Amino acid sequence: MSNKAAHSAVRIAVVGTGYFGALHAGKLAGLEGADLVAVVDANPATAQGVAAKHGVLGLSDPRDLIGRVDAAIIAVPTKAHYDVASMLLDNGIHLLVEKPITDDPATARRLVDRAKAKGLVLQVGHLERFSAVGVALREKVKDALYIESYRIAPFRERGTDVGVILDLMIHDIDLILTFVRAPIESVEAIGVPVLSPTEDIVNTRVRFTNGCFAAMTASRVSFKAERKMRIFQPESYIGIDFLERSLRSVHKKAPLEGSLRPEIEIENQTYEESDALLEEDRTFIAAVANRTPPLVSGADGLRALEAATQIMRSLRENLDRLAQARAAGPSSIPEPA
């Protein structure tokens, strides 16, 4: 156990020491109020390598955390989220679960209910909420009517245990659901697998019962990285570039006295680079220490997963139609009269 921690520090572990797990461990090792006790990985050598770097325990079984920690961050592959999280919740351990919360809304709902019944903090790692631009948007978006988002990236092996909807689009789904507090009315999604067994590029159109419409594109087989969003609402338009940390907004103001033409105000803002992962971990530690609700709750993670599941269902239906059309062979086009 780290000897730097104060008596009141939250004893915490990281389960899964892949890319994000190793990053979380590095943040927690220097975070005030946190006592990084252990890291866990199914590969003992991987666990020991990260553990040695931070002077903590390296374990291969998350059950060995029971009695040793107050909280844990789960960064194992998505398909293992439920089994690991449910076991730790049953043993009174507060959790931050990397996005998506699980790969199935039914298991996600069980985790939410279990954490509530036991009075435990359950936070979900929707990282974009903690970026400088993500924080600014919470103040600027009041009544979204139409939203467009683009989240594209070059192909990489990391993250391909799930399709691009749960890998990348889930970030924009979560953000949009914080702006639009209305049920989804309809979903239409198209996309294809390209370099992995699951979908690698998807475009979806989501209509909400309050009339808002969202169009999202996510790709992990692009030549460049791009993360942008445009939000239109009454009398204003907001354009966001998450990679450039920039925000451009246009607002309609009342006409000047004696004029019929409305005034247009343009605002350009670039935000300093921030450490969203560190901020995410800091708010989790504060929620555990103070027993306060986290910024991104288990219920938020469940709602994002339910929306993603609707999108995946529409995608599967359209992929089935595509497969049937291809199996039927090329259709003949009649010659013009």
C-alpha atoms as a PDB file:
ATOM      1  CA  MET A   1       0.000   0.000   0.000  1.00  0.00           C
ATOM      2  CA  SER A   2       1.204   3.483  -0.761  1.00  0.00           C
ATOM      3  CA  ASN A   3       2.798   5.184   2.253  1.00  0.00           C
ATOM      4  CA  LYS A   4       1.938   8.678   1.020  1.00  0.00           C
ATOM      5  CA  ALA A   5      -1.787   8.465   1.680  1.00  0.00           C
ATOM      6  CA  ALA A   6      -3.462  10.260   4.520  1.00  0.00           C
ATOM      7  CA  HIS A   7      -5.576   8.282   6.947  1.00  0.00           C
ATOM      8  CA  SER A   8      -8.794   9.613   5.374  1.00  0.00           C
ATOM      9  CA  ALA A   9      -7.760   8.878   1.789  1.00  0.00           C
ATOM     10  CA  VAL A  10      -9.990   6.653  -0.313  1.00  0.00           C
ATOM     11  CA  ARG A  11      -8.292   3.279  -0.775  1.00  0.00           C
ATOM     12  CA  ILE A  12      -8.673   2.438  -4.436  1.00  0.00           C
ATOM     13  CA  ALA A  13      -7.605  -0.120  -7.052  1.00  0.00           C
ATOM     14  CA  VAL A  14      -7.688  -0.327 -10.847  1.00  0.00           C
ATOM     15  CA  VAL A  15      -9.028  -3.543 -12.373  1.00  0.00           C
ATOM     16  CA  GLY A  16      -7.693  -4.053 -15.900  1.00  0.00           C
ATOM     17  CA  THR A  17      -4.316  -2.528 -16.743  1.00  0.00           C
ATOM     18  CA  GLY A  18      -4.602  -2.120 -20.504  1.00  0.00           C
ATOM     19  CA  TYR A  19      -4.414   1.306 -22.131  1.00  0.00           C
ATOM     20  CA  PHE A  20      -7.016   3.132 -20.022  1.00  0.00           C
ATOM     21  CA  GLY A  21      -6.395   1.133 -16.862  1.00  0.00           C
ATOM     22  CA  ALA A  22      -2.707   2.048 -16.885  1.00  0.00           C
ATOM     23  CA  LEU A  23      -3.630   5.702 -17.435  1.00  0.00           C
ATOM     24  CA  HIS A  24      -6.061   5.639 -14.497  1.00  0.00           C
ATOM     25  CA  ALA A  25      -3.383   4.103 -12.272  1.00  0.00           C
ATOM     26  CA  GLY A  26      -0.976   6.899 -13.166  1.00  0.00           C
ATOM     27  CA  LYS A  27      -3.545   9.581 -12.326  1.00  0.00           C
ATOM     28  CA  LEU A  28      -4.579   7.973  -9.040  1.00  0.00           C
ATOM     29  CA  ALA A  29      -0.983   7.491  -7.904  1.00  0.00           C
ATOM     30  CA  GLY A  30      -0.536  11.234  -7.622  1.00  0.00           C
ATOM     31  CA  LEU A  31      -4.089  12.293  -6.782  1.00  0.00           C
ATOM     32  CA  GLU A  32      -4.703  13.942  -3.425  1.00  0.00           C
ATOM     33  CA  GLY A  33      -7.327  12.077  -1.410  1.00  0.00           C
ATOM     34  CA  ALA A  34      -6.666   8.786  -3.190  1.00  0.00           C
ATOM     35  CA  ASP A  35      -4.542   5.901  -1.932  1.00  0.00           C
ATOM     36  CA  LEU A  36      -3.772   3.605  -4.871  1.00  0.00           C
ATOM     37  CA  VAL A  37      -3.538   0.229  -3.149  1.00  0.00           C
ATOM     38  CA  ALA A  38      -3.406  -2.259  -6.029  1.00  0.00           C
ATOM     39  CA  VAL A  39      -3.820  -2.928  -9.715  1.00  0.00           C
ATOM     40  CA  VAL A  40      -5.430  -6.097 -11.062  1.00  0.00           C
ATOM     41  CA  ASP A  41      -5.049  -7.826 -14.408  1.00  0.00           C
ATOM     42  CA  ALA A  42      -5.757 -11.351 -15.619  1.00  0.00           C
ATOM     43  CA  ASN A  43      -2.187 -11.347 -16.947  1.00  0.00           C
ATOM     44  CA  PRO A  44       0.023 -11.406 -13.813  1.00  0.00           C
ATOM     45  CA  ALA A  45       3.036 -10.012 -15.670  1.00  0.00           C
ATOM     46  CA  THR A  46       1.014  -7.026 -16.896  1.00  0.00           C
ATOM     47  CA  ALA A  47      -0.316  -6.373 -13.393  1.00  0.00           C
ATOM     48  CA  GLN A  48       3.147  -6.603 -11.860  1.00  0.00           C
ATOM     49  CA  GLY A  49       4.614  -4.233 -14.425  1.00  0.00           C
ATOM     50  CA  VAL A  50       2.092  -1.468 -13.658  1.00  0.00           C
ATOM     51  CA  ALA A  51       2.211  -2.217  -9.914  1.00  0.00           C
ATOM     52  CA  ALA A  52       5.993  -1.894  -9.783  1.00  0.00           C
ATOM     53  CA  LYS A  53       5.814   1.490 -11.494  1.00  0.00           C
ATOM     54  CA  HIS A  54       3.633   2.872  -8.699  1.00  0.00           C
ATOM     55  CA  GLY A  55       4.820   0.830  -5.741  1.00  0.00           C
ATOM     56  CA  VAL A  56       1.503  -0.953  -5.143  1.00  0.00           C
ATOM     57  CA  LEU A  57       0.178  -4.503  -5.098  1.00  0.00           C
ATOM     58  CA  GLY A  58      -0.113  -6.387  -8.374  1.00  0.00           C
ATOM     59  CA  LEU A  59      -2.975  -8.897  -8.332  1.00  0.00           C
ATOM     60  CA  SER A  60      -4.576 -11.200 -10.887  1.00  0.00           C
ATOM     61  CA  ASP A  61      -7.980 -11.771  -9.241  1.00  0.00           C
ATOM     62  CA  PRO A  62     -10.330  -8.861  -8.395  1.00  0.00           C
ATOM     63  CA  ARG A  63     -11.731 -10.894  -5.484  1.00  0.00           C
ATOM     64  CA  ASP A  64      -8.431 -10.263  -3.716  1.00  0.00           C
ATOM     65  CA  LEU A  65      -9.468  -6.609  -3.382  1.00  0.00           C
ATOM     66  CA  ILE A  66     -12.212  -7.430  -0.875  1.00  0.00           C
ATOM     67  CA  GLY A  67     -11.299  -5.914   2.489  1.00  0.00           C
ATOM     68  CA  ARG A  68      -8.377  -4.010   0.964  1.00  0.00           C
ATOM     69  CA  VAL A  69     -10.093  -1.133  -0.854  1.00  0.00           C
ATOM     70  CA  ASP A  70     -13.033   1.245  -0.592  1.00  0.00           C
ATOM     71  CA  ALA A  71     -13.356   1.850  -4.322  1.00  0.00           C
ATOM     72  CA  ALA A  72     -12.214   0.560  -7.704  1.00  0.00           C
ATOM     73  CA  ILE A  73     -12.032   1.625 -11.335  1.00  0.00           C
ATOM     74  CA  ILE A  74     -13.046  -1.096 -13.791  1.00  0.00           C
ATOM     75  CA  ALA A  75     -11.210  -0.947 -17.113  1.00  0.00           C
ATOM     76  CA  VAL A  76     -11.508  -4.562 -18.252  1.00  0.00           C
ATOM     77  CA  PRO A  77     -13.046  -5.472 -21.656  1.00  0.00           C
ATOM     78  CA  THR A  78     -16.704  -4.478 -21.872  1.00  0.00           C
ATOM     79  CA  LYS A  79     -18.009  -8.056 -21.863  1.00  0.00           C
ATOM     80  CA  ALA A  80     -16.476  -8.551 -18.387  1.00  0.00           C
ATOM     81  CA  HIS A  81     -17.854  -5.345 -16.847  1.00  0.00           C
ATOM     82  CA  TYR A  82     -20.950  -6.902 -15.323  1.00  0.00           C
ATOM     83  CA  ASP A  83     -19.294  -9.902 -13.671  1.00  0.00           C
ATOM     84  CA  VAL A  84     -16.499  -7.843 -12.107  1.00  0.00           C
ATOM     85  CA  ALA A  85     -18.718  -4.900 -11.130  1.00  0.00           C
ATOM     86  CA  SER A  86     -21.484  -6.993  -9.574  1.00  0.00           C
ATOM     87  CA  MET A  87     -18.981  -8.929  -7.450  1.00  0.00           C
ATOM     88  CA  LEU A  88     -17.332  -5.758  -6.161  1.00  0.00           C
ATOM     89  CA  LEU A  89     -20.652  -4.002  -5.494  1.00  0.00           C
ATOM     90  CA  ASP A  90     -21.831  -7.060  -3.540  1.00  0.00           C
ATOM     91  CA  ASN A  91     -18.783  -6.575  -1.324  1.00  0.00           C
ATOM     92  CA  GLY A  92     -19.418  -2.890  -0.626  1.00  0.00           C
ATOM     93  CA  ILE A  93     -16.923  -1.361  -3.060  1.00  0.00           C
ATOM     94  CA  HIS A  94     -17.724   1.923  -4.849  1.00  0.00           C
ATOM     95  CA  LEU A  95     -17.126   1.815  -8.598  1.00  0.00           C
ATOM     96  CA  LEU A  96     -16.160   3.854 -11.612  1.00  0.00           C
ATOM     97  CA  VAL A  97     -16.874   1.666 -14.640  1.00  0.00           C
ATOM     98  CA  GLU A  98     -15.347   2.627 -17.983  1.00  0.00           C
ATOM     99  CA  LYS A  99     -17.852   3.267 -20.768  1.00  0.00           C
ATOM    100  CA  PRO A 100     -20.067   1.606 -21.784  1.00  0.00           C
ATOM    101  CA  ILE A 101     -21.377   0.538 -18.388  1.00  0.00           C
ATOM    102  CA  THR A 102     -21.997  -3.007 -19.744  1.00  0.00           C
ATOM    103  CA  ASP A 103     -22.830  -4.506 -23.129  1.00  0.00           C
ATOM    104  CA  ASP A 104     -26.507  -5.126 -22.276  1.00  0.00           C
ATOM    105  CA  PRO A 105     -29.139  -2.813 -20.739  1.00  0.00           C
ATOM    106  CA  ALA A 106     -30.534  -5.615 -18.530  1.00  0.00           C
ATOM    107  CA  THR A 107     -27.191  -6.170 -16.781  1.00  0.00           C
ATOM    108  CA  ALA A 108     -26.570  -2.418 -16.588  1.00  0.00           C
ATOM    109  CA  ARG A 109     -29.922  -1.965 -14.869  1.00  0.00           C
ATOM    110  CA  ARG A 110     -28.978  -4.639 -12.333  1.00  0.00           C
ATOM    111  CA  LEU A 111     -25.782  -2.774 -11.488  1.00  0.00           C
ATOM    112  CA  VAL A 112     -27.667   0.506 -11.065  1.00  0.00           C
ATOM    113  CA  ASP A 113     -30.233  -1.143  -8.794  1.00  0.00           C
ATOM    114  CA  ARG A 114     -27.550  -2.968  -6.799  1.00  0.00           C
ATOM    115  CA  ALA A 115     -25.509   0.188  -6.185  1.00  0.00           C
ATOM    116  CA  LYS A 116     -28.631   2.096  -5.121  1.00  0.00           C
ATOM    117  CA  ALA A 117     -29.732  -0.644  -2.732  1.00  0.00           C
ATOM    118  CA  LYS A 118     -26.310  -0.705  -1.082  1.00  0.00           C
ATOM    119  CA  GLY A 119     -25.813   3.059  -1.020  1.00  0.00           C
ATOM    120  CA  LEU A 120     -22.694   2.860  -3.192  1.00  0.00           C
ATOM    121  CA  VAL A 121     -21.338   5.317  -5.733  1.00  0.00           C
ATOM    122  CA  LEU A 122     -21.570   4.021  -9.305  1.00  0.00           C
ATOM    123  CA  GLN A 123     -19.974   6.332 -11.852  1.00  0.00           C
ATOM    124  CA  VAL A 124     -19.582   5.654 -15.583  1.00  0.00           C
ATOM    125  CA  GLY A 125     -16.552   6.792 -17.573  1.00  0.00           C
ATOM    126  CA  HIS A 126     -18.088   9.056 -20.190  1.00  0.00           C
ATOM    127  CA  LEU A 127     -14.932  11.118 -20.470  1.00  0.00           C
ATOM    128  CA  GLU A 128     -16.177  13.862 -22.809  1.00  0.00           C
ATOM    129  CA  ARG A 129     -18.282  15.299 -19.988  1.00  0.00           C
ATOM    130  CA  PHE A 130     -15.045  16.262 -18.234  1.00  0.00           C
ATOM    131  CA  SER A 131     -13.304  17.945 -21.179  1.00  0.00           C
ATOM    132  CA  ALA A 132     -13.033  21.732 -21.117  1.00  0.00           C
ATOM    133  CA  VAL A 133     -15.432  22.069 -24.054  1.00  0.00           C
ATOM    134  CA  GLY A 134     -17.825  19.505 -22.585  1.00  0.00           C
ATOM    135  CA  VAL A 135     -18.011  21.512 -19.361  1.00  0.00           C
ATOM    136  CA  ALA A 136     -18.647  24.750 -21.286  1.00  0.00           C
ATOM    137  CA  LEU A 137     -21.473  23.169 -23.277  1.00  0.00           C
ATOM    138  CA  ARG A 138     -23.459  22.455 -20.120  1.00  0.00           C
ATOM    139  CA  GLU A 139     -23.966  26.208 -19.736  1.00  0.00           C
ATOM    140  CA  LYS A 140     -24.647  27.023 -23.379  1.00  0.00           C
ATOM    141  CA  VAL A 141     -27.102  24.373 -24.561  1.00  0.00           C
ATOM    142  CA  LYS A 142     -30.610  25.218 -23.377  1.00  0.00           C
ATOM    143  CA  ASP A 143     -33.118  24.012 -25.991  1.00  0.00           C
ATOM    144  CA  ALA A 144     -31.466  21.924 -28.703  1.00  0.00           C
ATOM    145  CA  LEU A 145     -33.614  21.396 -31.807  1.00  0.00           C
ATOM    146  CA  TYR A 146     -31.096  19.841 -34.208  1.00  0.00           C
ATOM    147  CA  ILE A 147     -27.698  18.274 -33.456  1.00  0.00           C
ATOM    148  CA  GLU A 148     -24.990  16.899 -35.744  1.00  0.00           C
ATOM    149  CA  SER A 149     -21.942  15.024 -34.487  1.00  0.00           C
ATOM    150  CA  TYR A 150     -18.902  13.519 -36.216  1.00  0.00           C
ATOM    151  CA  ARG A 151     -16.454  11.297 -34.352  1.00  0.00           C
ATOM    152  CA  ILE A 152     -14.021   9.613 -36.704  1.00  0.00           C
ATOM    153  CA  ALA A 153     -10.558   8.100 -36.232  1.00  0.00           C
ATOM    154  CA  PRO A 154      -7.981   5.910 -37.991  1.00  0.00           C
ATOM    155  CA  PHE A 155      -8.230   2.173 -37.334  1.00  0.00           C
ATOM    156  CA  ARG A 156      -6.540   0.695 -34.279  1.00  0.00           C
ATOM    157  CA  GLU A 157      -6.880  -2.703 -32.633  1.00  0.00           C
ATOM    158  CA  ARG A 158      -7.727  -1.224 -29.223  1.00  0.00           C
ATOM    159  CA  GLY A 159     -11.477  -1.083 -28.594  1.00  0.00           C
ATOM    160  CA  THR A 160     -12.527  -3.567 -31.267  1.00  0.00           C
ATOM    161  CA  ASP A 161     -14.014  -5.954 -28.698  1.00  0.00           C
ATOM    162  CA  VAL A 162     -17.169  -3.883 -29.360  1.00  0.00           C
ATOM    163  CA  GLY A 163     -18.518  -2.126 -32.453  1.00  0.00           C
ATOM    164  CA  VAL A 164     -17.958   1.541 -33.212  1.00  0.00           C
ATOM    165  CA  ILE A 165     -21.291   2.475 -31.605  1.00  0.00           C
ATOM    166  CA  LEU A 166     -20.131   1.360 -28.154  1.00  0.00           C
ATOM    167  CA  ASP A 167     -16.513   2.286 -28.863  1.00  0.00           C
ATOM    168  CA  LEU A 168     -16.853   5.864 -30.176  1.00  0.00           C
ATOM    169  CA  MET A 169     -20.445   6.967 -30.811  1.00  0.00           C
ATOM    170  CA  ILE A 170     -21.377   6.324 -27.168  1.00  0.00           C
ATOM    171  CA  HIS A 171     -19.499   9.543 -26.235  1.00  0.00           C
ATOM    172  CA  ASP A 172     -21.773  11.660 -28.415  1.00  0.00           C
ATOM    173  CA  ILE A 173     -24.864   9.696 -27.422  1.00  0.00           C
ATOM    174  CA  ASP A 174     -24.166  10.503 -23.767  1.00  0.00           C
ATOM    175  CA  LEU A 175     -23.555  14.196 -24.454  1.00  0.00           C
ATOM    176  CA  ILE A 176     -26.681  14.539 -26.579  1.00  0.00           C
ATOM    177  CA  LEU A 177     -28.790  12.845 -23.922  1.00  0.00           C
ATOM    178  CA  THR A 178     -27.632  15.441 -21.393  1.00  0.00           C
ATOM    179  CA  PHE A 179     -28.962  18.153 -23.730  1.00  0.00           C
ATOM    180  CA  VAL A 180     -32.198  16.425 -24.722  1.00  0.00           C
ATOM    181  CA  ARG A 181     -34.168  15.232 -21.712  1.00  0.00           C
ATOM    182  CA  ALA A 182     -36.861  13.493 -23.730  1.00  0.00           C
ATOM    183  CA  PRO A 183     -37.495   9.874 -24.777  1.00  0.00           C
ATOM    184  CA  ILE A 184     -36.362   8.618 -28.177  1.00  0.00           C
ATOM    185  CA  GLU A 185     -39.205   8.340 -30.692  1.00  0.00           C
ATOM    186  CA  SER A 186     -37.442   6.661 -33.615  1.00  0.00           C
ATOM    187  CA  VAL A 187     -34.013   5.531 -34.815  1.00  0.00           C
ATOM    188  CA  GLU A 188     -32.595   4.780 -38.263  1.00  0.00           C
ATOM    189  CA  ALA A 189     -29.004   3.532 -38.567  1.00  0.00           C
ATOM    190  CA  ILE A 190     -26.822   2.387 -41.426  1.00  0.00           C
ATOM    191  CA  GLY A 191     -23.242   1.132 -41.321  1.00  0.00           C
ATOM    192  CA  VAL A 192     -20.889  -1.707 -42.181  1.00  0.00           C
ATOM    193  CA  PRO A 193     -18.016  -3.754 -40.765  1.00  0.00           C
ATOM    194  CA  VAL A 194     -14.812  -3.021 -42.678  1.00  0.00           C
ATOM    195  CA  LEU A 195     -11.662  -4.107 -40.827  1.00  0.00           C
ATOM    196  CA  SER A 196     -13.182  -5.814 -37.782  1.00  0.00           C
ATOM    197  CA  PRO A 197     -15.994  -8.344 -37.246  1.00  0.00           C
ATOM    198  CA  THR A 198     -18.360  -5.637 -35.967  1.00  0.00           C
ATOM    199  CA  GLU A 199     -19.501  -2.333 -37.442  1.00  0.00           C
ATOM    200  CA  ASP A 200     -16.649   0.117 -38.085  1.00  0.00           C
ATOM    201  CA  ILE A 201     -18.608   3.020 -39.560  1.00  0.00           C
ATOM    202  CA  VAL A 202     -22.165   4.034 -38.654  1.00  0.00           C
ATOM    203  CA  ASN A 203     -24.485   6.909 -39.404  1.00  0.00           C
ATOM    204  CA  THR A 204     -27.669   7.238 -37.386  1.00  0.00           C
ATOM    205  CA  ARG A 205     -30.618   9.607 -37.206  1.00  0.00           C
ATOM    206  CA  VAL A 206     -32.447   9.846 -33.887  1.00  0.00           C
ATOM    207  CA  ARG A 207     -35.752  11.640 -33.361  1.00  0.00           C
ATOM    208  CA  PHE A 208     -36.879  12.576 -29.838  1.00  0.00           C
ATOM    209  CA  THR A 209     -40.459  12.992 -28.650  1.00  0.00           C
ATOM    210  CA  ASN A 210     -39.899  16.717 -28.015  1.00  0.00           C
ATOM    211  CA  GLY A 211     -39.140  17.234 -31.719  1.00  0.00           C
ATOM    212  CA  CYS A 212     -35.350  17.394 -31.450  1.00  0.00           C
ATOM    213  CA  PHE A 213     -33.466  15.538 -34.181  1.00  0.00           C
ATOM    214  CA  ALA A 214     -29.870  14.246 -33.888  1.00  0.00           C
ATOM    215  CA  ALA A 215     -27.655  12.941 -36.690  1.00  0.00           C
ATOM    216  CA  MET A 216     -24.499  11.114 -35.577  1.00  0.00           C
ATOM    217  CA  THR A 217     -21.608   9.656 -37.552  1.00  0.00           C
ATOM    218  CA  ALA A 218     -18.881   7.499 -36.021  1.00  0.00           C
ATOM    219  CA  SER A 219     -16.037   5.788 -37.842  1.00  0.00           C
ATOM    220  CA  ARG A 220     -12.850   4.029 -36.798  1.00  0.00           C
ATOM    221  CA  VAL A 221     -11.690   3.443 -40.390  1.00  0.00           C
ATOM    222  CA  SER A 222     -10.967   7.021 -41.438  1.00  0.00           C
ATOM    223  CA  PHE A 223      -7.744   8.661 -42.608  1.00  0.00           C
ATOM    224  CA  LYS A 224      -7.875  11.367 -39.946  1.00  0.00           C
ATOM    225  CA  ALA A 225      -9.212  12.028 -36.468  1.00  0.00           C
ATOM    226  CA  GLU A 226     -12.134  14.410 -36.087  1.00  0.00           C
ATOM    227  CA  ARG A 227     -14.503  15.073 -33.199  1.00  0.00           C
ATOM    228  CA  LYS A 228     -17.012  17.796 -33.944  1.00  0.00           C
ATOM    229  CA  MET A 229     -20.557  18.697 -33.004  1.00  0.00           C
ATOM    230  CA  ARG A 230     -23.012  21.339 -34.162  1.00  0.00           C
ATOM    231  CA  ILE A 231     -26.027  22.318 -32.072  1.00  0.00           C
ATOM    232  CA  PHE A 232     -28.905  24.474 -33.317  1.00  0.00           C
ATOM    233  CA  GLN A 233     -31.430  25.988 -30.932  1.00  0.00           C
ATOM    234  CA  PRO A 234     -33.784  28.968 -31.009  1.00  0.00           C
ATOM    235  CA  GLU A 235     -31.777  32.104 -31.835  1.00  0.00           C
ATOM    236  CA  SER A 236     -28.353  30.464 -31.541  1.00  0.00           C
ATOM    237  CA  TYR A 237     -25.974  28.023 -33.186  1.00  0.00           C
ATOM    238  CA  ILE A 238     -22.957  26.378 -31.531  1.00  0.00           C
ATOM    239  CA  GLY A 239     -20.074  24.637 -33.293  1.00  0.00           C
ATOM    240  CA  ILE A 240     -17.608  22.571 -31.277  1.00  0.00           C
ATOM    241  CA  ASP A 241     -14.259  21.021 -32.161  1.00  0.00           C
ATOM    242  CA  PHE A 242     -13.305  18.723 -29.301  1.00  0.00           C
ATOM    243  CA  LEU A 243      -9.796  18.046 -30.624  1.00  0.00           C
ATOM    244  CA  GLU A 244      -8.994  21.737 -31.100  1.00  0.00           C
ATOM    245  CA  ARG A 245     -10.823  22.577 -27.834  1.00  0.00           C
ATOM    246  CA  SER A 246     -12.676  25.372 -29.633  1.00  0.00           C
ATOM    247  CA  LEU A 247     -16.233  26.631 -29.513  1.00  0.00           C
ATOM    248  CA  ARG A 248     -17.893  29.049 -31.934  1.00  0.00           C
ATOM    249  CA  SER A 249     -21.368  30.362 -31.273  1.00  0.00           C
ATOM    250  CA  VAL A 250     -23.715  32.691 -33.102  1.00  0.00           C
ATOM    251  CA  HIS A 251     -26.531  34.396 -31.198  1.00  0.00           C
ATOM    252  CA  LYS A 252     -29.421  36.540 -32.409  1.00  0.00           C
ATOM    253  CA  LYS A 253     -29.958  39.635 -30.285  1.00  0.00           C
ATOM    254  CA  ALA A 254     -32.748  42.168 -30.218  1.00  0.00           C
ATOM    255  CA  PRO A 255     -32.583  44.862 -32.939  1.00  0.00           C
ATOM    256  CA  LEU A 256     -31.001  48.160 -32.056  1.00  0.00           C
ATOM    257  CA  GLU A 257     -33.427  50.997 -31.432  1.00  0.00           C
ATOM    258  CA  GLY A 258     -34.882  52.187 -34.716  1.00  0.00           C
ATOM    259  CA  SER A 259     -33.804  49.100 -36.653  1.00  0.00           C
ATOM    260  CA  LEU A 260     -35.814  46.093 -37.781  1.00  0.00           C
ATOM    261  CA  ARG A 261     -32.777  43.923 -38.434  1.00  0.00           C
ATOM    262  CA  PRO A 262     -31.716  41.724 -35.480  1.00  0.00           C
ATOM    263  CA  GLU A 263     -28.170  42.005 -34.185  1.00  0.00           C
ATOM    264  CA  ILE A 264     -25.908  38.976 -34.587  1.00  0.00           C
ATOM    265  CA  GLU A 265     -23.250  38.266 -31.971  1.00  0.00           C
ATOM    266  CA  ILE A 266     -20.409  35.862 -32.770  1.00  0.00           C
ATOM    267  CA  GLU A 267     -18.295  34.341 -30.036  1.00  0.00           C
ATOM    268  CA  ASN A 268     -15.080  32.398 -30.569  1.00  0.00           C
ATOM    269  CA  GLN A 269     -13.534  30.624 -27.606  1.00  0.00           C
ATOM    270  CA  THR A 270     -10.530  28.325 -27.380  1.00  0.00           C
ATOM    271  CA  TYR A 271     -10.030  26.478 -24.113  1.00  0.00           C
ATOM    272  CA  GLU A 272      -6.752  25.559 -22.487  1.00  0.00           C
ATOM    273  CA  GLU A 273      -5.822  21.913 -22.630  1.00  0.00           C
ATOM    274  CA  SER A 274      -7.238  20.076 -19.629  1.00  0.00           C
ATOM    275  CA  ASP A 275      -6.737  16.607 -18.191  1.00  0.00           C
ATOM    276  CA  ALA A 276     -10.231  15.136 -18.524  1.00  0.00           C
ATOM    277  CA  LEU A 277      -9.193  11.732 -17.151  1.00  0.00           C
ATOM    278  CA  LEU A 278      -7.658  13.287 -14.050  1.00  0.00           C
ATOM    279  CA  GLU A 279     -10.793  15.377 -13.512  1.00  0.00           C
ATOM    280  CA  GLU A 280     -12.972  12.287 -13.945  1.00  0.00           C
ATOM    281  CA  ASP A 281     -10.960  10.398 -11.321  1.00  0.00           C
ATOM    282  CA  ARG A 282     -10.939  13.405  -8.985  1.00  0.00           C
ATOM    283  CA  THR A 283     -14.731  13.752  -9.069  1.00  0.00           C
ATOM    284  CA  PHE A 284     -15.107  10.010  -8.433  1.00  0.00           C
ATOM    285  CA  ILE A 285     -12.845  10.189  -5.378  1.00  0.00           C
ATOM    286  CA  ALA A 286     -14.816  13.221  -4.120  1.00  0.00           C
ATOM    287  CA  ALA A 287     -18.145  11.419  -4.634  1.00  0.00           C
ATOM    288  CA  VAL A 288     -16.902   8.417  -2.646  1.00  0.00           C
ATOM    289  CA  ALA A 289     -15.361  10.538   0.118  1.00  0.00           C
ATOM    290  CA  ASN A 290     -18.418  12.790   0.473  1.00  0.00           C
ATOM    291  CA  ARG A 291     -21.101  10.219  -0.465  1.00  0.00           C
ATOM    292  CA  THR A 292     -22.439  12.589  -3.117  1.00  0.00           C
ATOM    293  CA  PRO A 293     -23.887  11.723  -6.541  1.00  0.00           C
ATOM    294  CA  PRO A 294     -21.265  11.509  -9.307  1.00  0.00           C
ATOM    295  CA  LEU A 295     -21.420  13.772 -12.361  1.00  0.00           C
ATOM    296  CA  VAL A 296     -22.025  10.758 -14.622  1.00  0.00           C
ATOM    297  CA  SER A 297     -24.196   8.316 -12.700  1.00  0.00           C
ATOM    298  CA  GLY A 298     -24.954   4.686 -13.350  1.00  0.00           C
ATOM    299  CA  ALA A 299     -28.413   5.799 -14.505  1.00  0.00           C
ATOM    300  CA  ASP A 300     -26.759   8.106 -17.067  1.00  0.00           C
ATOM    301  CA  GLY A 301     -24.651   5.206 -18.300  1.00  0.00           C
ATOM    302  CA  LEU A 302     -27.750   3.023 -18.558  1.00  0.00           C
ATOM    303  CA  ARG A 303     -29.664   5.635 -20.575  1.00  0.00           C
ATOM    304  CA  ALA A 304     -26.745   6.006 -23.011  1.00  0.00           C
ATOM    305  CA  LEU A 305     -26.506   2.224 -23.373  1.00  0.00           C
ATOM    306  CA  GLU A 306     -30.253   1.903 -23.984  1.00  0.00           C
ATOM    307  CA  ALA A 307     -30.022   4.501 -26.758  1.00  0.00           C
ATOM    308  CA  ALA A 308     -26.961   2.767 -28.229  1.00  0.00           C
ATOM    309  CA  THR A 309     -28.842  -0.534 -28.164  1.00  0.00           C
ATOM    310  CA  GLN A 310     -31.715   0.984 -30.154  1.00  0.00           C
ATOM    311  CA  ILE A 311     -29.204   2.238 -32.717  1.00  0.00           C
ATOM    312  CA  MET A 312     -27.531  -1.198 -32.910  1.00  0.00           C
ATOM    313  CA  ARG A 313     -30.914  -2.869 -33.374  1.00  0.00           C
ATOM    314  CA  SER A 314     -31.740  -0.602 -36.325  1.00  0.00           C
ATOM    315  CA  LEU A 315     -28.278  -1.211 -37.763  1.00  0.00           C
ATOM    316  CA  ARG A 316     -28.695  -4.992 -37.569  1.00  0.00           C
ATOM    317  CA  GLU A 317     -32.063  -4.778 -39.317  1.00  0.00           C
ATOM    318  CA  ASN A 318     -30.564  -2.754 -42.166  1.00  0.00           C
ATOM    319  CA  LEU A 319     -27.536  -5.064 -42.402  1.00  0.00           C
ATOM    320  CA  ASP A 320     -29.918  -8.014 -42.687  1.00  0.00           C
ATOM    321  CA  ARG A 321     -31.737  -6.267 -45.543  1.00  0.00           C
ATOM    322  CA  LEU A 322     -28.403  -5.611 -47.229  1.00  0.00           C
ATOM    323  CA  ALA A 323     -27.372  -9.268 -46.889  1.00  0.00           C
ATOM    324  CA  GLN A 324     -30.693 -10.428 -48.325  1.00  0.00           C
ATOM    325  CA  ALA A 325     -30.402  -8.038 -51.270  1.00  0.00           C
ATOM    326  CA  ARG A 326     -26.850  -9.195 -52.022  1.00  0.00           C
ATOM    327  CA  ALA A 327     -27.880 -12.855 -51.770  1.00  0.00           C
ATOM    328  CA  ALA A 328     -30.669 -12.251 -54.272  1.00  0.00           C
ATOM    329  CA  GLY A 329     -28.135 -11.063 -56.827  1.00  0.00           C
ATOM    330  CA  PRO A 330     -28.076  -7.871 -58.883  1.00  0.00           C
ATOM    331  CA  SER A 331     -31.444  -6.528 -59.860  1.00  0.00           C
ATOM    332  CA  SER A 332     -32.060  -5.684 -63.463  1.00  0.00           C
ATOM    333  CA  ILE A 333     -32.789  -2.114 -64.384  1.00  0.00           C
ATOM    334  CA  PRO A 334     -35.380  -1.842 -67.166  1.00  0.00           C
ATOM    335  CA  GLU A 335     -34.254  -0.132 -70.323  1.00  0.00           C
ATOM    336  CA  PRO A 336     -35.934   3.222 -70.935  1.00  0.00           C
ATOM    337  CA  ALA A 337     -38.868   3.081 -73.316  1.00  0.00           C
END
